[in-house]
PDB file of all heavy atoms in Angstrom:
ATOM      1  N   MET A   1       0.910  -2.067   3.115  1.00  0.00           N
ATOM      2  CA  MET A   1       0.402  -2.040   1.744  1.00  0.00           C
ATOM      3  C   MET A   1      -0.137  -3.416   1.351  1.00  0.00           C
ATOM      4  O   MET A   1      -1.164  -3.515   0.676  1.00  0.00           O
ATOM      5  CB  MET A   1       1.513  -1.610   0.779  1.00  0.00           C
ATOM      6  CG  MET A   1       1.007  -1.224  -0.592  1.00  0.00           C
ATOM      7  SD  MET A   1       0.002   0.281  -0.570  1.00  0.00           S
ATOM      8  CE  MET A   1       1.281   1.531  -0.483  1.00  0.00           C
ATOM      9  N   HIS A   2       0.545  -4.490   1.779  1.00  0.00           N
ATOM     10  CA  HIS A   2       0.023  -5.839   1.532  1.00  0.00           C
ATOM     11  C   HIS A   2      -1.365  -5.977   2.163  1.00  0.00           C
ATOM     12  O   HIS A   2      -2.291  -6.516   1.546  1.00  0.00           O
ATOM     13  CB  HIS A   2       0.954  -6.901   2.144  1.00  0.00           C
ATOM     14  CG  HIS A   2       2.193  -7.171   1.351  1.00  0.00           C
ATOM     15  ND1 HIS A   2       3.371  -6.493   1.570  1.00  0.00           N
ATOM     16  CD2 HIS A   2       2.433  -8.052   0.348  1.00  0.00           C
ATOM     17  CE1 HIS A   2       4.298  -6.948   0.733  1.00  0.00           C
ATOM     18  NE2 HIS A   2       3.756  -7.891  -0.016  1.00  0.00           N
ATOM     19  N   PHE A   3      -1.491  -5.507   3.397  1.00  0.00           N
ATOM     20  CA  PHE A   3      -2.773  -5.603   4.107  1.00  0.00           C
ATOM     21  C   PHE A   3      -3.881  -4.895   3.335  1.00  0.00           C
ATOM     22  O   PHE A   3      -4.954  -5.461   3.099  1.00  0.00           O
ATOM     23  CB  PHE A   3      -2.633  -4.987   5.506  1.00  0.00           C
ATOM     24  CG  PHE A   3      -3.957  -4.721   6.179  1.00  0.00           C
ATOM     25  CD1 PHE A   3      -4.664  -5.730   6.809  1.00  0.00           C
ATOM     26  CD2 PHE A   3      -4.505  -3.436   6.170  1.00  0.00           C
ATOM     27  CE1 PHE A   3      -5.900  -5.483   7.412  1.00  0.00           C
ATOM     28  CE2 PHE A   3      -5.733  -3.178   6.778  1.00  0.00           C
ATOM     29  CZ  PHE A   3      -6.425  -4.214   7.400  1.00  0.00           C
ATOM     30  N   ALA A   4      -3.636  -3.650   2.929  1.00  0.00           N
ATOM     31  CA  ALA A   4      -4.661  -2.849   2.238  1.00  0.00           C
ATOM     32  C   ALA A   4      -5.052  -3.480   0.907  1.00  0.00           C
ATOM     33  O   ALA A   4      -6.231  -3.546   0.557  1.00  0.00           O
ATOM     34  CB  ALA A   4      -4.160  -1.421   2.038  1.00  0.00           C
ATOM     35  N   VAL A   5      -4.049  -3.963   0.160  1.00  0.00           N
ATOM     36  CA  VAL A   5      -4.320  -4.544  -1.159  1.00  0.00           C
ATOM     37  C   VAL A   5      -5.023  -5.894  -1.018  1.00  0.00           C
ATOM     38  O   VAL A   5      -5.947  -6.205  -1.774  1.00  0.00           O
ATOM     39  CB  VAL A   5      -3.002  -4.693  -1.962  1.00  0.00           C
ATOM     40  CG1 VAL A   5      -3.230  -5.500  -3.229  1.00  0.00           C
ATOM     41  CG2 VAL A   5      -2.439  -3.318  -2.305  1.00  0.00           C
ATOM     42  N   ARG A   6      -4.605  -6.694  -0.041  1.00  0.00           N
ATOM     43  CA  ARG A   6      -5.198  -8.026   0.131  1.00  0.00           C
ATOM     44  C   ARG A   6      -6.709  -7.942   0.340  1.00  0.00           C
ATOM     45  O   ARG A   6      -7.476  -8.760  -0.157  1.00  0.00           O
ATOM     46  CB  ARG A   6      -4.535  -8.736   1.308  1.00  0.00           C
ATOM     47  CG  ARG A   6      -4.966 -10.190   1.462  1.00  0.00           C
ATOM     48  CD  ARG A   6      -4.249 -10.877   2.612  1.00  0.00           C
ATOM     49  NE  ARG A   6      -2.876 -11.184   2.269  1.00  0.00           N
ATOM     50  CZ  ARG A   6      -1.815 -10.574   2.803  1.00  0.00           C
ATOM     51  NH1 ARG A   6      -1.987  -9.623   3.703  1.00  0.00           N
ATOM     52  NH2 ARG A   6      -0.605 -10.914   2.452  1.00  0.00           N
ATOM     53  N   LEU A   7      -7.150  -6.923   1.094  1.00  0.00           N
ATOM     54  CA  LEU A   7      -8.583  -6.767   1.342  1.00  0.00           C
ATOM     55  C   LEU A   7      -9.286  -5.924   0.270  1.00  0.00           C
ATOM     56  O   LEU A   7     -10.495  -5.746   0.312  1.00  0.00           O
ATOM     57  CB  LEU A   7      -8.809  -6.129   2.721  1.00  0.00           C
ATOM     58  CG  LEU A   7      -8.552  -7.031   3.934  1.00  0.00           C
ATOM     59  CD1 LEU A   7      -8.866  -6.291   5.221  1.00  0.00           C
ATOM     60  CD2 LEU A   7      -9.371  -8.305   3.866  1.00  0.00           C
ATOM     61  N   GLY A   8      -8.497  -5.382  -0.674  1.00  0.00           N
ATOM     62  CA  GLY A   8      -9.101  -4.569  -1.733  1.00  0.00           C
ATOM     63  C   GLY A   8      -9.521  -3.193  -1.257  1.00  0.00           C
ATOM     64  O   GLY A   8     -10.519  -2.645  -1.736  1.00  0.00           O
ATOM     65  N   LEU A   9      -8.758  -2.609  -0.330  1.00  0.00           N
ATOM     66  CA  LEU A   9      -9.109  -1.303   0.241  1.00  0.00           C
ATOM     67  C   LEU A   9      -8.511  -0.195  -0.636  1.00  0.00           C
ATOM     68  O   LEU A   9      -7.374   0.241  -0.437  1.00  0.00           O
ATOM     69  CB  LEU A   9      -8.600  -1.204   1.686  1.00  0.00           C
ATOM     70  CG  LEU A   9      -9.059  -2.346   2.618  1.00  0.00           C
ATOM     71  CD1 LEU A   9      -8.504  -2.152   4.027  1.00  0.00           C
ATOM     72  CD2 LEU A   9     -10.588  -2.411   2.663  1.00  0.00           C
ATOM     73  N   LEU A  10      -9.291   0.272  -1.583  1.00  0.00           N
ATOM     74  CA  LEU A  10      -8.816   1.215  -2.593  1.00  0.00           C
ATOM     75  C   LEU A  10      -8.412   2.557  -1.991  1.00  0.00           C
ATOM     76  O   LEU A  10      -7.344   3.101  -2.286  1.00  0.00           O
ATOM     77  CB  LEU A  10      -9.928   1.415  -3.637  1.00  0.00           C
ATOM     78  CG  LEU A  10      -9.545   2.010  -4.982  1.00  0.00           C
ATOM     79  CD1 LEU A  10      -8.615   1.062  -5.738  1.00  0.00           C
ATOM     80  CD2 LEU A  10     -10.791   2.264  -5.831  1.00  0.00           C
ATOM     81  N   ARG A  11      -9.258   3.107  -1.124  1.00  0.00           N
ATOM     82  CA  ARG A  11      -8.986   4.439  -0.560  1.00  0.00           C
ATOM     83  C   ARG A  11      -7.789   4.393   0.401  1.00  0.00           C
ATOM     84  O   ARG A  11      -6.971   5.310   0.425  1.00  0.00           O
ATOM     85  CB  ARG A  11     -10.221   4.964   0.172  1.00  0.00           C
ATOM     86  CG  ARG A  11     -11.460   5.128  -0.707  1.00  0.00           C
ATOM     87  CD  ARG A  11     -12.651   5.542   0.131  1.00  0.00           C
ATOM     88  NE  ARG A  11     -13.905   5.595  -0.607  1.00  0.00           N
ATOM     89  CZ  ARG A  11     -14.740   4.587  -0.719  1.00  0.00           C
ATOM     90  NH1 ARG A  11     -14.465   3.425  -0.147  1.00  0.00           N
ATOM     91  NH2 ARG A  11     -15.866   4.719  -1.392  1.00  0.00           N
ATOM     92  N   LEU A  12      -7.717   3.320   1.207  1.00  0.00           N
ATOM     93  CA  LEU A  12      -6.593   3.199   2.142  1.00  0.00           C
ATOM     94  C   LEU A  12      -5.284   3.023   1.373  1.00  0.00           C
ATOM     95  O   LEU A  12      -4.259   3.599   1.741  1.00  0.00           O
ATOM     96  CB  LEU A  12      -6.813   2.027   3.102  1.00  0.00           C
ATOM     97  CG  LEU A  12      -5.728   1.844   4.174  1.00  0.00           C
ATOM     98  CD1 LEU A  12      -5.561   3.102   5.023  1.00  0.00           C
ATOM     99  CD2 LEU A  12      -6.035   0.646   5.068  1.00  0.00           C
ATOM    100  N   THR A  13      -5.322   2.246   0.289  1.00  0.00           N
ATOM    101  CA  THR A  13      -4.131   2.077  -0.542  1.00  0.00           C
ATOM    102  C   THR A  13      -3.681   3.420  -1.100  1.00  0.00           C
ATOM    103  O   THR A  13      -2.485   3.746  -1.089  1.00  0.00           O
ATOM    104  CB  THR A  13      -4.412   1.099  -1.700  1.00  0.00           C
ATOM    105  OG1 THR A  13      -4.783  -0.176  -1.153  1.00  0.00           O
ATOM    106  CG2 THR A  13      -3.204   0.935  -2.592  1.00  0.00           C
ATOM    107  N   TRP A  14      -4.638   4.214  -1.587  1.00  0.00           N
ATOM    108  CA  TRP A  14      -4.303   5.545  -2.121  1.00  0.00           C
ATOM    109  C   TRP A  14      -3.651   6.400  -1.040  1.00  0.00           C
ATOM    110  O   TRP A  14      -2.651   7.070  -1.282  1.00  0.00           O
ATOM    111  CB  TRP A  14      -5.558   6.225  -2.660  1.00  0.00           C
ATOM    112  CG  TRP A  14      -5.358   7.684  -2.963  1.00  0.00           C
ATOM    113  CD1 TRP A  14      -5.662   8.744  -2.163  1.00  0.00           C
ATOM    114  CD2 TRP A  14      -4.751   8.234  -4.134  1.00  0.00           C
ATOM    115  NE1 TRP A  14      -5.310   9.921  -2.762  1.00  0.00           N
ATOM    116  CE2 TRP A  14      -4.740   9.647  -3.969  1.00  0.00           C
ATOM    117  CE3 TRP A  14      -4.236   7.683  -5.301  1.00  0.00           C
ATOM    118  CZ2 TRP A  14      -4.228  10.488  -4.936  1.00  0.00           C
ATOM    119  CZ3 TRP A  14      -3.722   8.543  -6.264  1.00  0.00           C
ATOM    120  CH2 TRP A  14      -3.721   9.924  -6.081  1.00  0.00           C
ATOM    121  N   PHE A  15      -4.224   6.390   0.165  1.00  0.00           N
ATOM    122  CA  PHE A  15      -3.671   7.176   1.262  1.00  0.00           C
ATOM    123  C   PHE A  15      -2.235   6.737   1.559  1.00  0.00           C
ATOM    124  O   PHE A  15      -1.329   7.577   1.708  1.00  0.00           O
ATOM    125  CB  PHE A  15      -4.531   7.024   2.517  1.00  0.00           C
ATOM    126  CG  PHE A  15      -3.949   7.692   3.737  1.00  0.00           C
ATOM    127  CD1 PHE A  15      -4.166   9.045   3.978  1.00  0.00           C
ATOM    128  CD2 PHE A  15      -3.168   6.981   4.630  1.00  0.00           C
ATOM    129  CE1 PHE A  15      -3.602   9.681   5.084  1.00  0.00           C
ATOM    130  CE2 PHE A  15      -2.601   7.606   5.744  1.00  0.00           C
ATOM    131  CZ  PHE A  15      -2.828   8.951   5.975  1.00  0.00           C
ATOM    132  N   LEU A  16      -2.004   5.428   1.663  1.00  0.00           N
ATOM    133  CA  LEU A  16      -0.666   4.917   1.989  1.00  0.00           C
ATOM    134  C   LEU A  16       0.351   5.265   0.909  1.00  0.00           C
ATOM    135  O   LEU A  16       1.517   5.530   1.206  1.00  0.00           O
ATOM    136  CB  LEU A  16      -0.711   3.398   2.199  1.00  0.00           C
ATOM    137  CG  LEU A  16      -1.510   2.911   3.418  1.00  0.00           C
ATOM    138  CD1 LEU A  16      -1.574   1.388   3.431  1.00  0.00           C
ATOM    139  CD2 LEU A  16      -0.913   3.438   4.725  1.00  0.00           C
ATOM    140  N   LEU A  17      -0.096   5.283  -0.339  1.00  0.00           N
ATOM    141  CA  LEU A  17       0.808   5.633  -1.442  1.00  0.00           C
ATOM    142  C   LEU A  17       1.363   7.049  -1.307  1.00  0.00           C
ATOM    143  O   LEU A  17       2.462   7.349  -1.774  1.00  0.00           O
ATOM    144  CB  LEU A  17       0.082   5.519  -2.786  1.00  0.00           C
ATOM    145  CG  LEU A  17       0.022   4.135  -3.432  1.00  0.00           C
ATOM    146  CD1 LEU A  17      -0.856   4.178  -4.670  1.00  0.00           C
ATOM    147  CD2 LEU A  17       1.416   3.633  -3.783  1.00  0.00           C
ATOM    148  N   GLN A  18       0.589   7.927  -0.676  1.00  0.00           N
ATOM    149  CA  GLN A  18       1.014   9.330  -0.524  1.00  0.00           C
ATOM    150  C   GLN A  18       1.955   9.528   0.673  1.00  0.00           C
ATOM    151  O   GLN A  18       2.525  10.599   0.845  1.00  0.00           O
ATOM    152  CB  GLN A  18      -0.204  10.259  -0.347  1.00  0.00           C
ATOM    153  CG  GLN A  18      -1.364  10.003  -1.288  1.00  0.00           C
ATOM    154  CD  GLN A  18      -0.963   9.924  -2.739  1.00  0.00           C
ATOM    155  OE1 GLN A  18      -0.239  10.783  -3.240  1.00  0.00           O
ATOM    156  NE2 GLN A  18      -1.418   8.880  -3.413  1.00  0.00           N
ATOM    157  N   GLN A  19       2.092   8.492   1.507  1.00  0.00           N
ATOM    158  CA  GLN A  19       2.903   8.616   2.722  1.00  0.00           C
ATOM    159  C   GLN A  19       4.337   8.160   2.482  1.00  0.00           C
ATOM    160  O   GLN A  19       4.617   7.414   1.534  1.00  0.00           O
ATOM    161  CB  GLN A  19       2.284   7.777   3.852  1.00  0.00           C
ATOM    162  CG  GLN A  19       0.813   8.052   4.125  1.00  0.00           C
ATOM    163  CD  GLN A  19       0.521   9.532   4.303  1.00  0.00           C
ATOM    164  OE1 GLN A  19       1.153  10.211   5.102  1.00  0.00           O
ATOM    165  NE2 GLN A  19      -0.463  10.025   3.549  1.00  0.00           N
ATOM    166  N   PRO A  20       5.298   8.598   3.354  1.00  0.00           N
ATOM    167  CA  PRO A  20       6.682   8.116   3.236  1.00  0.00           C
ATOM    168  C   PRO A  20       6.729   6.584   3.271  1.00  0.00           C
ATOM    169  O   PRO A  20       6.090   5.961   4.113  1.00  0.00           O
ATOM    170  CB  PRO A  20       7.362   8.697   4.481  1.00  0.00           C
ATOM    171  CG  PRO A  20       6.546   9.907   4.832  1.00  0.00           C
ATOM    172  CD  PRO A  20       5.135   9.566   4.465  1.00  0.00           C
ATOM    173  N   GLY A  21       7.454   6.001   2.331  1.00  0.00           N
ATOM    174  CA  GLY A  21       7.577   4.546   2.267  1.00  0.00           C
ATOM    175  C   GLY A  21       6.481   3.870   1.467  1.00  0.00           C
ATOM    176  O   GLY A  21       6.549   2.665   1.209  1.00  0.00           O
ATOM    177  N   GLY A  22       5.468   4.627   1.052  1.00  0.00           N
ATOM    178  CA  GLY A  22       4.340   4.043   0.334  1.00  0.00           C
ATOM    179  C   GLY A  22       4.738   3.447  -1.000  1.00  0.00           C
ATOM    180  O   GLY A  22       4.396   2.298  -1.316  1.00  0.00           O
ATOM    181  N   ARG A  23       5.476   4.203  -1.786  1.00  0.00           N
ATOM    182  CA  ARG A  23       5.918   3.706  -3.098  1.00  0.00           C
ATOM    183  C   ARG A  23       6.933   2.574  -2.948  1.00  0.00           C
ATOM    184  O   ARG A  23       6.943   1.610  -3.710  1.00  0.00           O
ATOM    185  CB  ARG A  23       6.521   4.844  -3.915  1.00  0.00           C
ATOM    186  CG  ARG A  23       5.500   5.855  -4.404  1.00  0.00           C
ATOM    187  CD  ARG A  23       4.761   5.344  -5.604  1.00  0.00           C
ATOM    188  NE  ARG A  23       3.600   6.172  -5.945  1.00  0.00           N
ATOM    189  CZ  ARG A  23       2.670   5.814  -6.808  1.00  0.00           C
ATOM    190  NH1 ARG A  23       2.742   4.636  -7.397  1.00  0.00           N
ATOM    191  NH2 ARG A  23       1.647   6.592  -7.049  1.00  0.00           N
ATOM    192  N   GLY A  24       7.797   2.707  -1.935  1.00  0.00           N
ATOM    193  CA  GLY A  24       8.812   1.671  -1.698  1.00  0.00           C
ATOM    194  C   GLY A  24       8.205   0.333  -1.350  1.00  0.00           C
ATOM    195  O   GLY A  24       8.765  -0.720  -1.660  1.00  0.00           O
ATOM    196  N   ALA A  25       7.023   0.356  -0.714  1.00  0.00           N
ATOM    197  CA  ALA A  25       6.376  -0.886  -0.297  1.00  0.00           C
ATOM    198  C   ALA A  25       5.889  -1.712  -1.487  1.00  0.00           C
ATOM    199  O   ALA A  25       5.694  -2.928  -1.359  1.00  0.00           O
ATOM    200  CB  ALA A  25       5.195  -0.570   0.625  1.00  0.00           C
ATOM    201  N   LEU A  26       5.716  -1.085  -2.642  1.00  0.00           N
ATOM    202  CA  LEU A  26       5.146  -1.788  -3.794  1.00  0.00           C
ATOM    203  C   LEU A  26       6.046  -2.897  -4.313  1.00  0.00           C
ATOM    204  O   LEU A  26       5.574  -3.856  -4.921  1.00  0.00           O
ATOM    205  CB  LEU A  26       4.858  -0.795  -4.930  1.00  0.00           C
ATOM    206  CG  LEU A  26       3.825   0.301  -4.629  1.00  0.00           C
ATOM    207  CD1 LEU A  26       3.588   1.163  -5.855  1.00  0.00           C
ATOM    208  CD2 LEU A  26       2.508  -0.319  -4.158  1.00  0.00           C
ATOM    209  N   SER A  27       7.357  -2.786  -4.076  1.00  0.00           N
ATOM    210  CA  SER A  27       8.280  -3.794  -4.621  1.00  0.00           C
ATOM    211  C   SER A  27       8.735  -4.808  -3.578  1.00  0.00           C
ATOM    212  O   SER A  27       9.597  -5.637  -3.846  1.00  0.00           O
ATOM    213  CB  SER A  27       9.505  -3.091  -5.235  1.00  0.00           C
ATOM    214  OG  SER A  27      10.110  -2.247  -4.271  1.00  0.00           O
ATOM    215  N   ILE A  28       8.172  -4.752  -2.372  1.00  0.00           N
ATOM    216  CA  ILE A  28       8.591  -5.670  -1.311  1.00  0.00           C
ATOM    217  C   ILE A  28       7.781  -6.968  -1.374  1.00  0.00           C
ATOM    218  O   ILE A  28       6.551  -6.941  -1.455  1.00  0.00           O
ATOM    219  CB  ILE A  28       8.447  -4.999   0.074  1.00  0.00           C
ATOM    220  CG1 ILE A  28       9.469  -3.875   0.194  1.00  0.00           C
ATOM    221  CG2 ILE A  28       8.621  -6.013   1.201  1.00  0.00           C
ATOM    222  CD1 ILE A  28       9.439  -3.128   1.490  1.00  0.00           C
ATOM    223  N   HIS A  29       8.487  -8.087  -1.348  1.00  0.00           N
ATOM    224  CA  HIS A  29       7.849  -9.400  -1.356  1.00  0.00           C
ATOM    225  C   HIS A  29       7.563  -9.844   0.071  1.00  0.00           C
ATOM    226  O   HIS A  29       8.348  -9.570   0.985  1.00  0.00           O
ATOM    227  CB  HIS A  29       8.761 -10.445  -2.019  1.00  0.00           C
ATOM    228  CG  HIS A  29       9.011 -10.201  -3.482  1.00  0.00           C
ATOM    229  ND1 HIS A  29       9.899  -9.239  -3.939  1.00  0.00           N
ATOM    230  CD2 HIS A  29       8.471 -10.781  -4.590  1.00  0.00           C
ATOM    231  CE1 HIS A  29       9.916  -9.249  -5.260  1.00  0.00           C
ATOM    232  NE2 HIS A  29       9.051 -10.176  -5.682  1.00  0.00           N
ATOM    233  N   ASN A  30       6.431 -10.533   0.248  1.00  0.00           N
ATOM    234  CA  ASN A  30       6.191 -11.152   1.559  1.00  0.00           C
ATOM    235  C   ASN A  30       6.762 -12.577   1.536  1.00  0.00           C
ATOM    236  O   ASN A  30       7.427 -12.972   0.571  1.00  0.00           O
ATOM    237  CB  ASN A  30       4.706 -11.121   1.929  1.00  0.00           C
ATOM    238  CG  ASN A  30       3.841 -11.924   0.971  1.00  0.00           C
ATOM    239  OD1 ASN A  30       4.340 -12.688   0.133  1.00  0.00           O
ATOM    240  ND2 ASN A  30       2.528 -11.759   1.077  1.00  0.00           N
TER     241      ASN A  30
END
C-alpha cells in the first residue's frame, strides 16, 4: 500500500483496498 500510494497509483490502491489486509495496511508506519 505504501508503494501504490507513494507513486500515486489510484486504481492499484483501490484494488489493494479490496484484498485481505488492504484496510489493515492503512495504519502501518514505515
